[in-house]
Amino acid sequence: MTEVIYNTYKHNPPHLFRGETKYFITASTYKKLPYLKSDAAKEKLLRSLHLAFNKYNWAIEDWVILNNHYHLMTDISDVPQVLPSIIREAHRFTALWIKKQILPKSHFVESDISNPEHTPIEATRIFYNYWDTCITYEQSYLTRLTYIWTNPVKHGLVESPEDWKYSSYYSRYRNECDVITQFMKDHPSDRVNMKDNY
C-alpha cells in the first residue's frame, strides 16, 4: 500500500504526498512580476523543470508557462515527498539564470523600500511559491488538462490555445488536432475552482 503523508508548514501551503498518482502543480513569480516574459526565460524554466523532474523519476505530462506563473500535470514515482526538492531545484537554476541574463537589462528588480536604488540583483527573489493538488479522481484530472491548455486564453495572451507556443497543447494540437479539440469540448475547465489571479 502506498504511504500517504500530509505536511503543513507555517508560511507555506500544506502538501499531501501520495505515491503513484498525478499532481497538478501551480507556481508563481514573486509579486507576480513578469520575470518569465521572454521566450528565453520560458525555455530556461522548461529545461530546468524537465531536468529536476527527470532526476527524481517524475514525469511532466502536460504544462503551460506564462509570463508570471506556470501549471504542470505530473505523474509521480513512489517517493512523493521529494516534490519540494524538485521544485526548489528547478526554481533555483531558473532564478540564477534570470538574475544573470534578464534582470540587468530590465526594470523588474524588486527594490528595498527604504533604498530603492541599492537592492542587489543577487538578493532579488524570483519565485514566490508553489501549490499542488493530488488528483484523486478521473474527472478532476481531465478538466485540469483543459485548464492547463486554455490558460493562455484565460489570461488574454492569445485568442486560441494552439497559438501559445509555451504549452504542451501547442505540439499536441499539431499532432492530433481533432482528438484534442474534441477532448476540450468533452471536458470543459469552467468547473475547476482554483486561485489563478495572475
Protein backbone atom coordinates (compact mmCIF):
# COMPACT_ATOMS: atom_id res chain seq x y z
CA MET A 1 0.00 0.00 0.00
CA THR A 2 1.27 3.46 -0.92
CA GLU A 3 2.16 5.70 2.01
CA VAL A 4 0.23 8.96 2.34
CA ILE A 5 1.93 11.90 4.07
CA TYR A 6 0.31 15.25 4.87
CA ASN A 7 2.70 18.06 5.75
CA THR A 8 1.76 21.51 6.97
CA TYR A 9 4.08 24.50 7.06
CA LYS A 10 3.99 27.78 8.97
CA HIS A 11 4.37 30.10 5.96
CA ASN A 12 3.61 27.80 3.04
CA PRO A 13 0.58 25.90 1.74
CA PRO A 14 0.09 22.34 3.05
CA HIS A 15 1.16 19.42 0.86
CA LEU A 16 -0.36 15.95 0.56
CA PHE A 17 2.25 13.41 -0.53
CA ARG A 18 0.79 10.29 -2.07
CA GLY A 19 2.80 7.99 -4.31
CA GLU A 20 1.88 6.63 -7.73
CA THR A 21 -0.61 9.31 -8.60
CA LYS A 22 -0.86 12.53 -10.57
CA TYR A 23 -0.25 16.03 -9.27
CA PHE A 24 -1.49 19.34 -10.62
CA ILE A 25 1.11 21.99 -9.75
CA THR A 26 0.97 25.77 -9.97
CA ALA A 27 3.87 28.11 -9.21
CA SER A 28 4.19 31.86 -9.49
CA THR A 29 6.85 34.51 -9.62
CA TYR A 30 7.40 36.81 -6.67
CA LYS A 31 4.78 39.58 -6.52
CA LYS A 32 3.52 38.33 -9.92
CA LEU A 33 6.32 40.17 -11.70
CA PRO A 34 6.77 39.10 -15.36
CA TYR A 35 10.19 37.50 -14.93
CA LEU A 36 9.18 34.78 -17.41
CA LYS A 37 8.00 37.14 -20.14
CA SER A 38 10.81 36.46 -22.60
CA ASP A 39 10.94 33.32 -24.73
CA ALA A 40 14.43 32.62 -23.37
CA ALA A 41 13.19 32.69 -19.76
CA LYS A 42 10.33 30.32 -20.57
CA GLU A 43 12.73 27.93 -22.34
CA LYS A 44 15.14 28.02 -19.39
CA LEU A 45 12.34 27.26 -16.92
CA LEU A 46 11.04 24.39 -19.05
CA ARG A 47 14.53 22.85 -19.31
CA SER A 48 15.07 23.27 -15.56
CA LEU A 49 11.72 21.66 -14.77
CA HIS A 50 12.37 18.66 -17.02
CA LEU A 51 15.86 18.15 -15.59
CA ALA A 52 14.64 18.31 -11.99
CA PHE A 53 11.62 16.08 -12.54
CA ASN A 54 13.60 13.50 -14.54
CA LYS A 55 16.26 13.38 -11.82
CA TYR A 56 13.66 12.04 -9.38
CA ASN A 57 11.86 9.83 -11.93
CA TRP A 58 8.79 12.03 -12.14
CA ALA A 59 7.15 12.74 -15.50
CA ILE A 60 5.73 16.05 -16.69
CA GLU A 61 2.71 15.06 -18.77
CA ASP A 62 1.28 18.47 -19.64
CA TRP A 63 2.39 22.03 -18.95
CA VAL A 64 2.00 25.70 -19.72
CA ILE A 65 4.35 28.59 -18.93
CA LEU A 66 3.02 32.13 -18.84
CA ASN A 67 4.74 35.43 -18.03
CA ASN A 68 4.50 35.17 -14.24
CA HIS A 69 3.32 31.63 -13.44
CA TYR A 70 3.08 28.11 -14.75
CA HIS A 71 0.94 24.99 -14.42
CA LEU A 72 2.01 21.33 -14.65
CA MET A 73 0.31 17.96 -14.67
CA THR A 74 2.77 15.38 -13.41
CA ASP A 75 2.90 11.65 -12.87
CA ILE A 76 4.95 10.73 -9.84
CA SER A 77 7.03 7.84 -8.60
CA ASP A 78 6.61 6.06 -5.29
CA VAL A 79 8.61 8.77 -3.45
CA PRO A 80 6.17 11.69 -3.38
CA GLN A 81 7.87 13.65 -0.60
CA VAL A 82 10.69 14.71 -2.96
CA LEU A 83 8.34 17.19 -4.68
CA PRO A 84 9.63 20.21 -2.67
CA SER A 85 13.21 19.31 -3.68
CA ILE A 86 12.21 19.05 -7.34
CA ILE A 87 10.54 22.46 -7.36
CA ARG A 88 13.35 24.04 -5.34
CA GLU A 89 15.99 22.80 -7.81
CA ALA A 90 14.08 23.92 -10.90
CA HIS A 91 13.38 27.34 -9.39
CA ARG A 92 16.95 27.82 -8.18
CA PHE A 93 18.56 27.18 -11.57
CA THR A 94 15.99 29.29 -13.40
CA ALA A 95 16.29 32.14 -10.89
CA LEU A 96 20.08 32.22 -11.17
CA TRP A 97 19.80 32.41 -14.96
CA ILE A 98 17.18 35.20 -14.79
CA LYS A 99 19.34 37.23 -12.41
CA LYS A 100 22.29 36.93 -14.75
CA GLN A 101 20.56 37.28 -18.13
CA ILE A 102 17.30 39.19 -17.64
CA LEU A 103 17.44 41.47 -14.60
CA PRO A 104 20.49 43.54 -15.59
CA LYS A 105 18.54 44.58 -18.70
CA SER A 106 15.12 45.12 -17.11
CA HIS A 107 13.24 47.22 -14.57
CA PHE A 108 11.77 44.21 -12.74
CA VAL A 109 14.26 44.27 -9.86
CA GLU A 110 12.47 44.10 -6.51
CA SER A 111 13.52 47.19 -4.57
CA ASP A 112 14.19 47.81 -0.94
CA ILE A 113 11.51 50.26 0.21
CA SER A 114 13.99 52.33 2.21
CA ASN A 115 16.57 52.49 -0.58
CA PRO A 116 15.08 51.53 -3.94
CA GLU A 117 18.29 52.01 -5.91
CA HIS A 118 20.57 49.76 -3.90
CA THR A 119 18.96 46.34 -3.73
CA PRO A 120 21.46 43.95 -5.34
CA ILE A 121 20.18 41.71 -8.11
CA GLU A 122 21.62 38.70 -6.27
CA ALA A 123 19.18 39.29 -3.42
CA THR A 124 16.15 39.60 -5.68
CA ARG A 125 13.55 36.92 -5.18
CA ILE A 126 12.28 35.42 -8.45
CA PHE A 127 9.78 32.71 -7.50
CA TYR A 128 7.17 33.03 -4.79
CA ASN A 129 5.75 29.60 -4.02
CA TYR A 130 4.03 26.58 -5.47
CA TRP A 131 0.74 24.85 -4.84
CA ASP A 132 -0.01 21.22 -5.57
CA THR A 133 -3.20 19.19 -5.82
CA CYS A 134 -3.13 15.42 -5.54
CA ILE A 135 -5.54 14.20 -8.24
CA THR A 136 -7.81 11.53 -6.79
CA TYR A 137 -10.44 11.02 -9.46
CA GLU A 138 -10.53 10.96 -13.24
CA GLN A 139 -12.82 13.90 -13.95
CA SER A 140 -10.61 16.21 -11.88
CA TYR A 141 -7.64 15.11 -13.97
CA LEU A 142 -9.42 15.58 -17.30
CA THR A 143 -10.79 19.04 -16.57
CA ARG A 144 -7.43 20.23 -15.25
CA LEU A 145 -5.78 19.24 -18.52
CA THR A 146 -8.20 21.51 -20.34
CA TYR A 147 -7.49 24.18 -17.73
CA ILE A 148 -3.75 23.98 -18.44
CA TRP A 149 -4.26 24.14 -22.19
CA THR A 150 -6.68 27.09 -22.13
CA ASN A 151 -4.79 29.13 -19.54
CA PRO A 152 -3.11 31.49 -22.05
CA VAL A 153 -6.57 32.31 -23.45
CA LYS A 154 -7.93 32.90 -19.94
CA HIS A 155 -5.18 35.45 -19.33
CA GLY A 156 -5.72 37.20 -22.66
CA LEU A 157 -2.36 36.28 -24.16
CA VAL A 158 -3.80 34.59 -27.26
CA GLU A 159 -7.24 34.03 -28.76
CA SER A 160 -6.77 30.27 -29.28
CA PRO A 161 -4.70 27.85 -27.15
CA GLU A 162 -2.92 26.43 -30.20
CA ASP A 163 -1.28 29.83 -30.70
CA TRP A 164 0.61 29.74 -27.38
CA LYS A 165 4.00 28.17 -28.04
CA TYR A 166 4.94 27.54 -24.42
CA SER A 167 2.42 24.81 -23.69
CA SER A 168 2.16 21.08 -24.27
CA TYR A 169 -1.05 21.88 -26.15
CA TYR A 170 0.97 23.58 -28.89
CA SER A 171 2.51 20.30 -30.09
CA ARG A 172 -0.48 18.15 -29.16
CA TYR A 173 -2.72 20.26 -31.37
CA ARG A 174 -0.37 19.90 -34.32
CA ASN A 175 -0.10 16.12 -33.90
CA GLU A 176 -3.71 15.27 -33.01
CA CYS A 177 -5.89 18.29 -33.78
CA ASP A 178 -9.29 16.57 -33.99
CA VAL A 179 -8.79 14.41 -30.92
CA ILE A 180 -7.52 17.21 -28.73
CA THR A 181 -10.24 19.64 -29.84
CA GLN A 182 -12.94 17.10 -29.03
CA PHE A 183 -11.30 16.36 -25.68
CA MET A 184 -11.58 20.00 -24.65
CA LYS A 185 -15.26 20.08 -25.63
CA ASP A 186 -15.93 16.93 -23.60
CA HIS A 187 -14.04 18.14 -20.52
CA PRO A 188 -14.53 21.91 -20.07
CA SER A 189 -12.49 23.54 -17.34
CA ASP A 190 -15.12 26.03 -16.16
CA ARG A 191 -15.79 23.97 -13.03
CA VAL A 192 -12.17 23.97 -11.87
CA ASN A 193 -12.24 26.16 -8.78
CA MET A 194 -8.76 27.40 -8.02
CA LYS A 195 -6.77 30.54 -7.33
CA ASP A 196 -5.34 31.90 -10.58
CA ASN A 197 -5.40 35.69 -10.27
CA TYR A 198 -2.23 36.37 -12.23
